[in-house]
Amino acid sequence: MKLCIIDTKSANLNSVVQALKRLDVEPIITSETDILNKADKLILPGVGTASAVMSGINDGFLYDFILNTKKPLLGICLGMQVLGAASAEVPLNSDLEEIKTLNIVSGKVRQLHGDDIILPHMGWNTVSHSDHPLFKGIKQDAYFYFVHSFAMDVGDYTIGTCEYGVKFTAALCRDNFMGVQFHPEKSGSVGAMLLNNFIKL
């Protein structure tokens, strides 16, 4: 099984790589579409800002590759958020209200809000999920590790939710595209189980 991590030049990938190695998977990190085309599974990570991730995706042929791939793809954190239609996480000093993202799912990403919440949402929180194969063997309201200030609305493709000020999409799926807002690579045994479920799809 060949797994590639899509390199958007905006992520610290070491924790994802190490989590996969613990599952006996040696991932390949690349932005080269000829290599990505030979993969069985794809992971789209993201650390930083939505605009930085989209800048990396828009560089070269990655944008068209991601939109057209039929391979199972798992977006993590920002990698999930950019599967949506747009994000309110605009560059500093920008006049824009939102930036366009991949529009694979129709949800929009907005800043978390609510009474007395502290941003970023950082730490362990529970996830309520559907019976999607990504959550096989994972109990309802299992704890996963989150680090984010923006989140996607709950919508038609939501397969997991979390609440922090408001209820938001913690996991989604449309066809071969999956995403999780939390960091499975930092979520201990339950995160490892989710990654293993993705590997076995």
N, C-alpha and C. Protein backbone atom coordinates (compact mmCIF):
# COMPACT_ATOMS: atom_id res chain seq x y z
N MET A 1 0.85 -1.18 0.00
CA MET A 1 0.00 0.00 0.00
C MET A 1 0.89 1.24 0.00
N LYS A 2 0.64 2.12 -0.98
CA LYS A 2 1.46 3.32 -1.11
C LYS A 2 0.64 4.53 -0.68
N LEU A 3 1.12 5.24 0.32
CA LEU A 3 0.42 6.41 0.83
C LEU A 3 1.28 7.64 0.64
N CYS A 4 0.70 8.68 0.06
CA CYS A 4 1.41 9.94 -0.15
C CYS A 4 0.79 11.05 0.69
N ILE A 5 1.64 11.86 1.28
CA ILE A 5 1.23 13.08 1.96
C ILE A 5 1.44 14.23 0.98
N ILE A 6 0.37 14.96 0.68
CA ILE A 6 0.46 16.06 -0.27
C ILE A 6 1.16 17.24 0.38
N ASP A 7 2.26 17.66 -0.21
CA ASP A 7 3.08 18.73 0.36
C ASP A 7 2.64 20.07 -0.20
N THR A 8 1.96 20.87 0.64
CA THR A 8 1.53 22.21 0.23
C THR A 8 2.50 23.29 0.70
N LYS A 9 3.64 22.87 1.23
CA LYS A 9 4.69 23.78 1.70
C LYS A 9 4.26 24.62 2.89
N SER A 10 3.21 24.22 3.59
CA SER A 10 2.73 25.04 4.70
C SER A 10 2.45 24.21 5.95
N ALA A 11 3.04 23.04 6.03
CA ALA A 11 2.71 22.17 7.16
C ALA A 11 3.96 21.55 7.76
N ASN A 12 3.93 21.39 9.08
CA ASN A 12 4.93 20.59 9.76
C ASN A 12 4.42 19.15 9.73
N LEU A 13 5.05 18.33 8.94
CA LEU A 13 4.51 17.01 8.65
C LEU A 13 5.05 15.91 9.54
N ASN A 14 6.00 16.22 10.41
CA ASN A 14 6.69 15.16 11.14
C ASN A 14 5.75 14.33 12.00
N SER A 15 4.80 14.97 12.69
CA SER A 15 3.92 14.21 13.58
C SER A 15 3.02 13.26 12.79
N VAL A 16 2.60 13.68 11.60
CA VAL A 16 1.80 12.80 10.74
C VAL A 16 2.65 11.63 10.26
N VAL A 17 3.86 11.93 9.82
CA VAL A 17 4.76 10.89 9.34
C VAL A 17 5.02 9.86 10.44
N GLN A 18 5.32 10.32 11.65
CA GLN A 18 5.64 9.40 12.74
C GLN A 18 4.43 8.55 13.12
N ALA A 19 3.23 9.15 13.10
CA ALA A 19 2.01 8.39 13.41
C ALA A 19 1.79 7.28 12.40
N LEU A 20 2.05 7.55 11.13
CA LEU A 20 1.89 6.54 10.09
C LEU A 20 2.95 5.45 10.20
N LYS A 21 4.16 5.85 10.54
CA LYS A 21 5.23 4.85 10.70
C LYS A 21 4.91 3.89 11.84
N ARG A 22 4.25 4.40 12.88
CA ARG A 22 3.85 3.51 13.99
C ARG A 22 2.81 2.50 13.53
N LEU A 23 2.15 2.79 12.40
CA LEU A 23 1.19 1.85 11.81
C LEU A 23 1.81 1.05 10.67
N ASP A 24 3.15 1.07 10.61
CA ASP A 24 3.93 0.33 9.60
C ASP A 24 3.68 0.82 8.19
N VAL A 25 3.43 2.11 8.06
CA VAL A 25 3.28 2.73 6.75
C VAL A 25 4.40 3.76 6.58
N GLU A 26 5.13 3.66 5.49
CA GLU A 26 6.20 4.62 5.18
C GLU A 26 5.66 5.60 4.14
N PRO A 27 5.19 6.77 4.58
CA PRO A 27 4.57 7.69 3.62
C PRO A 27 5.61 8.40 2.75
N ILE A 28 5.16 8.83 1.60
CA ILE A 28 5.98 9.64 0.71
C ILE A 28 5.42 11.06 0.74
N ILE A 29 6.27 12.04 1.01
CA ILE A 29 5.85 13.44 1.02
C ILE A 29 6.22 14.05 -0.33
N THR A 30 5.22 14.55 -1.04
CA THR A 30 5.49 15.08 -2.38
C THR A 30 4.39 16.02 -2.85
N SER A 31 4.78 16.91 -3.75
CA SER A 31 3.81 17.73 -4.47
C SER A 31 3.80 17.38 -5.95
N GLU A 32 4.55 16.35 -6.31
CA GLU A 32 4.66 15.94 -7.71
C GLU A 32 3.47 15.07 -8.09
N THR A 33 2.69 15.53 -9.05
CA THR A 33 1.46 14.81 -9.38
C THR A 33 1.72 13.45 -10.03
N ASP A 34 2.86 13.29 -10.70
CA ASP A 34 3.13 11.97 -11.28
C ASP A 34 3.37 10.93 -10.19
N ILE A 35 3.91 11.34 -9.05
CA ILE A 35 4.08 10.43 -7.92
C ILE A 35 2.74 10.24 -7.21
N LEU A 36 2.00 11.33 -7.00
CA LEU A 36 0.69 11.24 -6.35
C LEU A 36 -0.26 10.34 -7.12
N ASN A 37 -0.15 10.33 -8.43
CA ASN A 37 -1.01 9.48 -9.25
C ASN A 37 -0.79 8.00 -9.02
N LYS A 38 0.38 7.64 -8.48
CA LYS A 38 0.70 6.23 -8.24
C LYS A 38 0.33 5.79 -6.82
N ALA A 39 -0.16 6.73 -6.03
CA ALA A 39 -0.49 6.41 -4.63
C ALA A 39 -1.81 5.65 -4.55
N ASP A 40 -1.96 4.88 -3.47
CA ASP A 40 -3.24 4.23 -3.18
C ASP A 40 -4.12 5.13 -2.31
N LYS A 41 -3.47 5.89 -1.41
CA LYS A 41 -4.19 6.77 -0.48
C LYS A 41 -3.44 8.09 -0.41
N LEU A 42 -4.19 9.15 -0.10
CA LEU A 42 -3.62 10.49 -0.01
C LEU A 42 -4.02 11.14 1.31
N ILE A 43 -3.09 11.88 1.90
CA ILE A 43 -3.39 12.70 3.07
C ILE A 43 -3.05 14.15 2.74
N LEU A 44 -4.00 15.04 3.04
CA LEU A 44 -3.80 16.47 2.82
C LEU A 44 -3.76 17.15 4.19
N PRO A 45 -2.56 17.41 4.73
CA PRO A 45 -2.48 18.05 6.04
C PRO A 45 -2.53 19.57 5.89
N GLY A 46 -2.54 20.26 7.00
CA GLY A 46 -2.51 21.70 6.96
C GLY A 46 -2.18 22.29 8.30
N VAL A 47 -1.19 23.15 8.33
CA VAL A 47 -0.83 23.89 9.53
C VAL A 47 -0.57 25.33 9.10
N GLY A 48 -1.07 26.29 9.86
CA GLY A 48 -0.86 27.68 9.49
C GLY A 48 -2.18 28.36 9.17
N THR A 49 -2.32 28.83 7.94
CA THR A 49 -3.53 29.54 7.54
C THR A 49 -4.11 28.94 6.27
N ALA A 50 -5.41 29.18 6.08
CA ALA A 50 -6.08 28.68 4.87
C ALA A 50 -5.45 29.26 3.61
N SER A 51 -5.10 30.54 3.66
CA SER A 51 -4.52 31.17 2.47
C SER A 51 -3.17 30.55 2.13
N ALA A 52 -2.38 30.18 3.16
CA ALA A 52 -1.08 29.55 2.89
C ALA A 52 -1.26 28.17 2.27
N VAL A 53 -2.22 27.38 2.79
CA VAL A 53 -2.48 26.06 2.23
C VAL A 53 -2.97 26.18 0.78
N MET A 54 -3.89 27.12 0.53
CA MET A 54 -4.41 27.29 -0.83
C MET A 54 -3.32 27.80 -1.77
N SER A 55 -2.42 28.61 -1.27
CA SER A 55 -1.30 29.07 -2.11
C SER A 55 -0.46 27.90 -2.57
N GLY A 56 -0.21 26.94 -1.66
CA GLY A 56 0.54 25.75 -2.03
C GLY A 56 -0.22 24.87 -3.01
N ILE A 57 -1.54 24.78 -2.82
CA ILE A 57 -2.37 23.96 -3.72
C ILE A 57 -2.44 24.60 -5.11
N ASN A 58 -2.49 25.91 -5.15
CA ASN A 58 -2.60 26.62 -6.43
C ASN A 58 -1.29 26.68 -7.19
N ASP A 59 -0.21 26.27 -6.56
CA ASP A 59 1.10 26.29 -7.19
C ASP A 59 1.28 25.03 -8.03
N GLY A 60 1.38 25.20 -9.33
CA GLY A 60 1.56 24.03 -10.21
C GLY A 60 0.25 23.33 -10.51
N PHE A 61 0.28 21.99 -10.46
CA PHE A 61 -0.85 21.19 -10.91
C PHE A 61 -1.65 20.56 -9.77
N LEU A 62 -1.34 20.93 -8.54
CA LEU A 62 -2.00 20.29 -7.40
C LEU A 62 -3.50 20.54 -7.37
N TYR A 63 -3.91 21.75 -7.70
CA TYR A 63 -5.34 22.11 -7.62
C TYR A 63 -6.17 21.16 -8.48
N ASP A 64 -5.81 21.02 -9.74
CA ASP A 64 -6.56 20.14 -10.65
C ASP A 64 -6.44 18.68 -10.22
N PHE A 65 -5.26 18.29 -9.74
CA PHE A 65 -5.09 16.91 -9.31
C PHE A 65 -6.04 16.57 -8.17
N ILE A 66 -6.08 17.43 -7.16
CA ILE A 66 -6.93 17.14 -5.99
C ILE A 66 -8.39 17.11 -6.39
N LEU A 67 -8.83 18.07 -7.20
CA LEU A 67 -10.24 18.11 -7.60
C LEU A 67 -10.66 16.87 -8.36
N ASN A 68 -9.75 16.29 -9.12
CA ASN A 68 -10.11 15.20 -10.03
C ASN A 68 -9.72 13.81 -9.53
N THR A 69 -9.00 13.74 -8.41
CA THR A 69 -8.57 12.42 -7.96
C THR A 69 -9.75 11.57 -7.52
N LYS A 70 -9.65 10.28 -7.77
CA LYS A 70 -10.64 9.31 -7.29
C LYS A 70 -10.07 8.47 -6.15
N LYS A 71 -8.86 8.80 -5.73
CA LYS A 71 -8.22 8.05 -4.65
C LYS A 71 -8.77 8.52 -3.30
N PRO A 72 -8.85 7.62 -2.31
CA PRO A 72 -9.25 8.06 -0.98
C PRO A 72 -8.31 9.14 -0.46
N LEU A 73 -8.87 10.25 -0.04
CA LEU A 73 -8.08 11.39 0.43
C LEU A 73 -8.59 11.81 1.80
N LEU A 74 -7.69 11.98 2.75
CA LEU A 74 -8.03 12.43 4.09
C LEU A 74 -7.40 13.78 4.35
N GLY A 75 -8.24 14.80 4.54
CA GLY A 75 -7.76 16.12 4.93
C GLY A 75 -7.71 16.21 6.45
N ILE A 76 -6.64 16.78 6.97
CA ILE A 76 -6.47 16.93 8.42
C ILE A 76 -6.42 18.41 8.77
N CYS A 77 -7.27 18.83 9.70
CA CYS A 77 -7.32 20.21 10.20
C CYS A 77 -7.55 21.17 9.03
N LEU A 78 -6.60 22.04 8.71
CA LEU A 78 -6.77 22.94 7.57
C LEU A 78 -6.95 22.17 6.27
N GLY A 79 -6.36 20.98 6.21
CA GLY A 79 -6.54 20.14 5.03
C GLY A 79 -7.98 19.73 4.84
N MET A 80 -8.75 19.63 5.94
CA MET A 80 -10.18 19.40 5.84
C MET A 80 -10.90 20.69 5.48
N GLN A 81 -10.52 21.79 6.13
CA GLN A 81 -11.22 23.06 5.91
C GLN A 81 -11.19 23.50 4.45
N VAL A 82 -10.06 23.29 3.77
CA VAL A 82 -9.97 23.75 2.37
C VAL A 82 -10.76 22.86 1.42
N LEU A 83 -11.32 21.75 1.90
CA LEU A 83 -12.25 20.97 1.06
C LEU A 83 -13.58 21.69 0.92
N GLY A 84 -13.83 22.69 1.77
CA GLY A 84 -15.07 23.45 1.73
C GLY A 84 -15.09 24.48 0.63
N ALA A 85 -16.16 25.28 0.62
CA ALA A 85 -16.36 26.27 -0.45
C ALA A 85 -15.57 27.54 -0.24
N ALA A 86 -15.43 27.96 1.03
CA ALA A 86 -14.75 29.22 1.31
C ALA A 86 -14.35 29.25 2.78
N SER A 87 -13.40 30.13 3.09
CA SER A 87 -12.93 30.29 4.46
C SER A 87 -12.85 31.76 4.81
N ALA A 88 -13.30 32.09 6.02
CA ALA A 88 -13.20 33.45 6.53
C ALA A 88 -11.81 33.74 7.10
N GLU A 89 -10.93 32.78 7.06
CA GLU A 89 -9.57 33.00 7.54
C GLU A 89 -8.75 33.67 6.43
N VAL A 90 -8.92 34.97 6.32
CA VAL A 90 -8.28 35.74 5.25
C VAL A 90 -6.93 36.25 5.73
N PRO A 91 -6.04 36.61 4.80
CA PRO A 91 -4.74 37.17 5.22
C PRO A 91 -4.91 38.45 6.03
N LEU A 92 -3.95 38.71 6.93
CA LEU A 92 -3.97 39.94 7.71
C LEU A 92 -3.99 41.16 6.80
N ASN A 93 -4.72 42.18 7.21
CA ASN A 93 -4.83 43.44 6.46
C ASN A 93 -5.49 43.29 5.10
N SER A 94 -6.21 42.19 4.92
CA SER A 94 -6.91 41.98 3.66
C SER A 94 -8.30 42.61 3.72
N ASP A 95 -8.78 43.09 2.58
CA ASP A 95 -10.14 43.62 2.48
C ASP A 95 -11.16 42.52 2.21
N LEU A 96 -10.68 41.31 1.98
CA LEU A 96 -11.58 40.20 1.67
C LEU A 96 -12.33 39.75 2.92
N GLU A 97 -13.57 39.28 2.71
CA GLU A 97 -14.33 38.68 3.81
C GLU A 97 -14.09 37.18 3.88
N GLU A 98 -13.72 36.59 2.74
CA GLU A 98 -13.43 35.17 2.70
C GLU A 98 -12.57 34.87 1.49
N ILE A 99 -11.91 33.72 1.52
CA ILE A 99 -11.16 33.26 0.36
C ILE A 99 -11.81 31.99 -0.16
N LYS A 100 -11.74 31.81 -1.46
CA LYS A 100 -12.29 30.61 -2.07
C LYS A 100 -11.37 29.43 -1.79
N THR A 101 -11.98 28.28 -1.50
CA THR A 101 -11.21 27.06 -1.31
C THR A 101 -11.65 26.04 -2.36
N LEU A 102 -11.51 24.76 -2.12
CA LEU A 102 -11.66 23.78 -3.20
C LEU A 102 -13.11 23.51 -3.61
N ASN A 103 -14.07 23.79 -2.74
CA ASN A 103 -15.49 23.62 -3.05
C ASN A 103 -15.85 22.16 -3.36
N ILE A 104 -15.18 21.24 -2.72
CA ILE A 104 -15.53 19.82 -2.86
C ILE A 104 -16.78 19.52 -2.05
N VAL A 105 -16.88 20.15 -0.88
CA VAL A 105 -18.13 20.14 -0.12
C VAL A 105 -18.60 21.59 0.02
N SER A 106 -19.88 21.76 0.29
CA SER A 106 -20.47 23.10 0.22
C SER A 106 -20.28 23.94 1.48
N GLY A 107 -19.76 23.36 2.54
CA GLY A 107 -19.64 24.08 3.81
C GLY A 107 -18.65 25.23 3.74
N LYS A 108 -18.92 26.25 4.56
CA LYS A 108 -18.00 27.38 4.70
C LYS A 108 -17.35 27.35 6.08
N VAL A 109 -16.16 27.90 6.15
CA VAL A 109 -15.38 27.91 7.37
C VAL A 109 -15.44 29.31 7.98
N ARG A 110 -15.82 29.36 9.26
CA ARG A 110 -15.96 30.64 9.96
C ARG A 110 -15.21 30.58 11.28
N GLN A 111 -14.93 31.75 11.85
CA GLN A 111 -14.27 31.78 13.15
C GLN A 111 -15.23 31.26 14.21
N LEU A 112 -14.69 30.45 15.11
CA LEU A 112 -15.48 29.96 16.24
C LEU A 112 -15.93 31.14 17.11
N HIS A 113 -17.11 31.03 17.66
CA HIS A 113 -17.62 32.10 18.52
C HIS A 113 -18.53 31.49 19.58
N GLY A 114 -18.73 32.22 20.62
CA GLY A 114 -19.59 31.76 21.71
C GLY A 114 -19.22 32.45 23.00
N ASP A 115 -20.07 32.34 23.99
CA ASP A 115 -19.85 32.99 25.28
C ASP A 115 -18.65 32.37 25.99
N ASP A 116 -17.73 33.22 26.37
CA ASP A 116 -16.61 32.82 27.24
C ASP A 116 -15.68 31.77 26.64
N ILE A 117 -15.64 31.63 25.32
CA ILE A 117 -14.68 30.68 24.76
C ILE A 117 -13.34 31.37 24.53
N ILE A 118 -12.30 30.61 24.58
CA ILE A 118 -10.94 31.10 24.35
C ILE A 118 -10.44 30.53 23.03
N LEU A 119 -9.86 31.37 22.19
CA LEU A 119 -9.29 30.90 20.93
C LEU A 119 -7.78 30.96 21.00
N PRO A 120 -7.10 29.98 20.42
CA PRO A 120 -7.68 28.87 19.67
C PRO A 120 -8.34 27.82 20.58
N HIS A 121 -9.23 27.04 19.98
CA HIS A 121 -9.77 25.85 20.64
C HIS A 121 -8.62 24.83 20.65
N MET A 122 -8.05 24.64 21.80
CA MET A 122 -6.85 23.80 21.89
C MET A 122 -7.02 22.78 23.01
N GLY A 123 -6.90 21.52 22.66
CA GLY A 123 -6.99 20.46 23.65
C GLY A 123 -7.95 19.37 23.24
N TRP A 124 -8.33 18.56 24.20
CA TRP A 124 -9.14 17.37 23.96
C TRP A 124 -10.62 17.70 24.01
N ASN A 125 -11.37 17.17 23.07
CA ASN A 125 -12.82 17.36 23.06
C ASN A 125 -13.47 16.13 22.43
N THR A 126 -14.74 15.94 22.77
CA THR A 126 -15.43 14.75 22.29
C THR A 126 -15.99 14.95 20.89
N VAL A 127 -16.11 13.87 20.16
CA VAL A 127 -16.67 13.87 18.81
C VAL A 127 -17.84 12.88 18.76
N SER A 128 -18.98 13.39 18.33
CA SER A 128 -20.14 12.53 18.06
C SER A 128 -20.12 12.20 16.57
N HIS A 129 -20.21 10.92 16.22
CA HIS A 129 -19.98 10.54 14.83
C HIS A 129 -21.04 9.57 14.30
N SER A 130 -21.09 9.48 12.99
CA SER A 130 -21.95 8.51 12.31
C SER A 130 -21.24 7.15 12.29
N ASP A 131 -21.83 6.20 11.58
CA ASP A 131 -21.20 4.88 11.49
C ASP A 131 -20.31 4.76 10.25
N HIS A 132 -19.78 5.87 9.78
CA HIS A 132 -18.86 5.85 8.65
C HIS A 132 -17.66 4.95 8.97
N PRO A 133 -17.13 4.22 7.97
CA PRO A 133 -15.99 3.32 8.21
C PRO A 133 -14.77 4.00 8.83
N LEU A 134 -14.62 5.30 8.66
CA LEU A 134 -13.51 6.02 9.27
C LEU A 134 -13.55 5.89 10.80
N PHE A 135 -14.76 5.72 11.36
CA PHE A 135 -14.92 5.63 12.82
C PHE A 135 -15.17 4.19 13.29
N LYS A 136 -14.84 3.22 12.47
CA LYS A 136 -15.06 1.82 12.85
C LYS A 136 -14.33 1.51 14.15
N GLY A 137 -15.07 0.97 15.11
CA GLY A 137 -14.48 0.58 16.38
C GLY A 137 -14.25 1.71 17.37
N ILE A 138 -14.59 2.93 16.98
CA ILE A 138 -14.38 4.10 17.85
C ILE A 138 -15.69 4.45 18.54
N LYS A 139 -15.65 4.55 19.85
CA LYS A 139 -16.85 4.81 20.63
C LYS A 139 -17.38 6.23 20.38
N GLN A 140 -18.71 6.37 20.55
CA GLN A 140 -19.29 7.70 20.52
C GLN A 140 -18.66 8.56 21.61
N ASP A 141 -18.50 9.84 21.29
CA ASP A 141 -17.95 10.82 22.24
C ASP A 141 -16.54 10.47 22.70
N ALA A 142 -15.81 9.80 21.81
CA ALA A 142 -14.38 9.61 22.08
C ALA A 142 -13.67 10.96 22.01
N TYR A 143 -12.57 11.07 22.72
CA TYR A 143 -11.82 12.33 22.77
C TYR A 143 -10.74 12.37 21.69
N PHE A 144 -10.71 13.50 20.97
CA PHE A 144 -9.67 13.77 19.99
C PHE A 144 -9.04 15.13 20.30
N TYR A 145 -7.85 15.34 19.75
CA TYR A 145 -7.10 16.57 20.06
C TYR A 145 -7.30 17.62 18.95
N PHE A 146 -7.69 18.81 19.38
CA PHE A 146 -7.99 19.92 18.46
C PHE A 146 -7.03 21.09 18.69
N VAL A 147 -6.68 21.78 17.60
CA VAL A 147 -5.99 23.08 17.68
C VAL A 147 -6.49 23.91 16.49
N HIS A 148 -7.43 24.82 16.73
CA HIS A 148 -7.97 25.63 15.63
C HIS A 148 -8.80 26.78 16.18
N SER A 149 -8.94 27.82 15.35
CA SER A 149 -9.80 28.96 15.68
C SER A 149 -10.96 29.10 14.71
N PHE A 150 -10.88 28.41 13.59
CA PHE A 150 -11.92 28.44 12.56
C PHE A 150 -12.48 27.04 12.38
N ALA A 151 -13.73 26.95 11.97
CA ALA A 151 -14.37 25.64 11.82
C ALA A 151 -15.44 25.70 10.75
N MET A 152 -15.75 24.54 10.18
CA MET A 152 -16.75 24.45 9.13
C MET A 152 -18.14 24.24 9.73
N ASP A 153 -19.12 24.89 9.11
CA ASP A 153 -20.51 24.69 9.51
C ASP A 153 -20.89 23.21 9.39
N VAL A 154 -21.85 22.79 10.17
CA VAL A 154 -22.43 21.45 10.01
C VAL A 154 -23.28 21.44 8.75
N GLY A 155 -23.12 20.41 7.91
CA GLY A 155 -23.84 20.38 6.64
C GLY A 155 -24.14 18.97 6.18
N ASP A 156 -24.50 18.86 4.91
CA ASP A 156 -24.92 17.58 4.33
C ASP A 156 -23.84 16.50 4.38
N TYR A 157 -22.58 16.90 4.38
CA TYR A 157 -21.49 15.92 4.30
C TYR A 157 -20.82 15.69 5.66
N THR A 158 -21.38 16.26 6.71
CA THR A 158 -20.83 16.08 8.05
C THR A 158 -21.05 14.64 8.53
N ILE A 159 -20.00 14.00 9.02
CA ILE A 159 -20.12 12.65 9.60
C ILE A 159 -19.67 12.64 11.06
N GLY A 160 -19.24 13.79 11.56
CA GLY A 160 -18.86 13.90 12.96
C GLY A 160 -18.96 15.35 13.40
N THR A 161 -19.41 15.57 14.63
CA THR A 161 -19.55 16.93 15.15
C THR A 161 -18.86 17.06 16.50
N CYS A 162 -18.51 18.30 16.80
CA CYS A 162 -17.94 18.66 18.08
C CYS A 162 -18.57 20.00 18.47
N GLU A 163 -18.51 20.33 19.75
CA GLU A 163 -19.08 21.60 20.20
C GLU A 163 -18.06 22.37 21.01
N TYR A 164 -17.83 23.61 20.59
CA TYR A 164 -16.99 24.55 21.32
C TYR A 164 -17.53 25.94 21.03
N GLY A 165 -18.38 26.42 21.90
CA GLY A 165 -19.12 27.65 21.62
C GLY A 165 -20.29 27.37 20.71
N VAL A 166 -20.02 26.78 19.57
CA VAL A 166 -21.05 26.35 18.62
C VAL A 166 -20.74 24.92 18.19
N LYS A 167 -21.73 24.26 17.64
CA LYS A 167 -21.50 22.93 17.06
C LYS A 167 -20.89 23.11 15.68
N PHE A 168 -19.86 22.32 15.37
CA PHE A 168 -19.18 22.45 14.09
C PHE A 168 -18.84 21.07 13.54
N THR A 169 -18.46 21.05 12.26
CA THR A 169 -18.07 19.79 11.62
C THR A 169 -16.71 19.35 12.13
N ALA A 170 -16.68 18.18 12.76
CA ALA A 170 -15.42 17.59 13.21
C ALA A 170 -14.90 16.56 12.21
N ALA A 171 -15.79 16.04 11.35
CA ALA A 171 -15.39 15.09 10.31
C ALA A 171 -16.42 15.17 9.19
N LEU A 172 -15.94 14.94 7.96
CA LEU A 172 -16.83 15.00 6.81
C LEU A 172 -16.44 13.94 5.80
N CYS A 173 -17.37 13.67 4.89
CA CYS A 173 -17.08 12.76 3.78
C CYS A 173 -17.98 13.08 2.60
N ARG A 174 -17.37 13.16 1.44
CA ARG A 174 -18.10 13.18 0.19
C ARG A 174 -17.35 12.29 -0.79
N ASP A 175 -17.96 11.17 -1.13
CA ASP A 175 -17.35 10.21 -2.06
C ASP A 175 -15.99 9.77 -1.50
N ASN A 176 -14.92 10.00 -2.25
CA ASN A 176 -13.58 9.57 -1.82
C ASN A 176 -12.89 10.61 -0.94
N PHE A 177 -13.53 11.76 -0.74
CA PHE A 177 -12.92 12.83 0.06
C PHE A 177 -13.42 12.77 1.49
N MET A 178 -12.48 12.67 2.42
CA MET A 178 -12.78 12.66 3.84
C MET A 178 -11.95 13.74 4.52
N GLY A 179 -12.41 14.18 5.68
CA GLY A 179 -11.64 15.17 6.41
C GLY A 179 -11.97 15.13 7.88
N VAL A 180 -10.99 15.51 8.71
CA VAL A 180 -11.19 15.61 10.15
C VAL A 180 -10.61 16.94 10.62
N GLN A 181 -11.35 17.64 11.47
CA GLN A 181 -10.86 18.91 12.01
C GLN A 181 -9.79 18.68 13.08
N PHE A 182 -9.91 17.60 13.82
CA PHE A 182 -8.95 17.28 14.87
C PHE A 182 -7.68 16.70 14.27
N HIS A 183 -6.71 16.47 15.14
CA HIS A 183 -5.43 15.90 14.70
C HIS A 183 -5.35 14.44 15.16
N PRO A 184 -5.65 13.49 14.29
CA PRO A 184 -5.56 12.08 14.70
C PRO A 184 -4.15 11.68 15.08
N GLU A 185 -3.17 12.31 14.45
CA GLU A 185 -1.77 11.97 14.73
C GLU A 185 -1.35 12.39 16.14
N LYS A 186 -2.15 13.24 16.79
CA LYS A 186 -1.86 13.69 18.16
C LYS A 186 -2.92 13.21 19.15
N SER A 187 -3.76 12.27 18.72
CA SER A 187 -4.92 11.86 19.51
C SER A 187 -4.78 10.47 20.11
N GLY A 188 -3.54 10.04 20.34
CA GLY A 188 -3.31 8.78 21.03
C GLY A 188 -3.86 7.57 20.29
N SER A 189 -4.32 6.59 21.06
CA SER A 189 -4.74 5.31 20.48
C SER A 189 -5.98 5.46 19.61
N VAL A 190 -6.90 6.35 20.00
CA VAL A 190 -8.11 6.51 19.20
C VAL A 190 -7.80 7.19 17.87
N GLY A 191 -6.84 8.10 17.87
CA GLY A 191 -6.41 8.72 16.60
C GLY A 191 -5.71 7.71 15.71
N ALA A 192 -4.90 6.85 16.32
CA ALA A 192 -4.23 5.80 15.55
C ALA A 192 -5.25 4.86 14.93
N MET A 193 -6.33 4.58 15.67
CA MET A 193 -7.38 3.71 15.14
C MET A 193 -8.04 4.35 13.91
N LEU A 194 -8.29 5.66 13.98
CA LEU A 194 -8.90 6.33 12.83
C LEU A 194 -7.97 6.32 11.62
N LEU A 195 -6.69 6.60 11.83
CA LEU A 195 -5.75 6.55 10.73
C LEU A 195 -5.67 5.15 10.14
N ASN A 196 -5.68 4.14 10.99
CA ASN A 196 -5.64 2.76 10.51
C ASN A 196 -6.90 2.41 9.73
N ASN A 197 -8.03 2.93 10.18
CA ASN A 197 -9.28 2.72 9.42
C ASN A 197 -9.17 3.33 8.03
N PHE A 198 -8.57 4.51 7.93
CA PHE A 198 -8.39 5.14 6.63
C PHE A 198 -7.47 4.30 5.75
N ILE A 199 -6.39 3.83 6.33
CA ILE A 199 -5.43 3.01 5.57
C ILE A 199 -6.11 1.77 5.01
N LYS A 200 -7.05 1.20 5.78
CA LYS A 200 -7.68 -0.06 5.38
C LYS A 200 -8.89 0.12 4.47
N LEU A 201 -9.32 1.35 4.20
CA LEU A 201 -10.48 1.56 3.34
C LEU A 201 -10.27 0.96 1.96
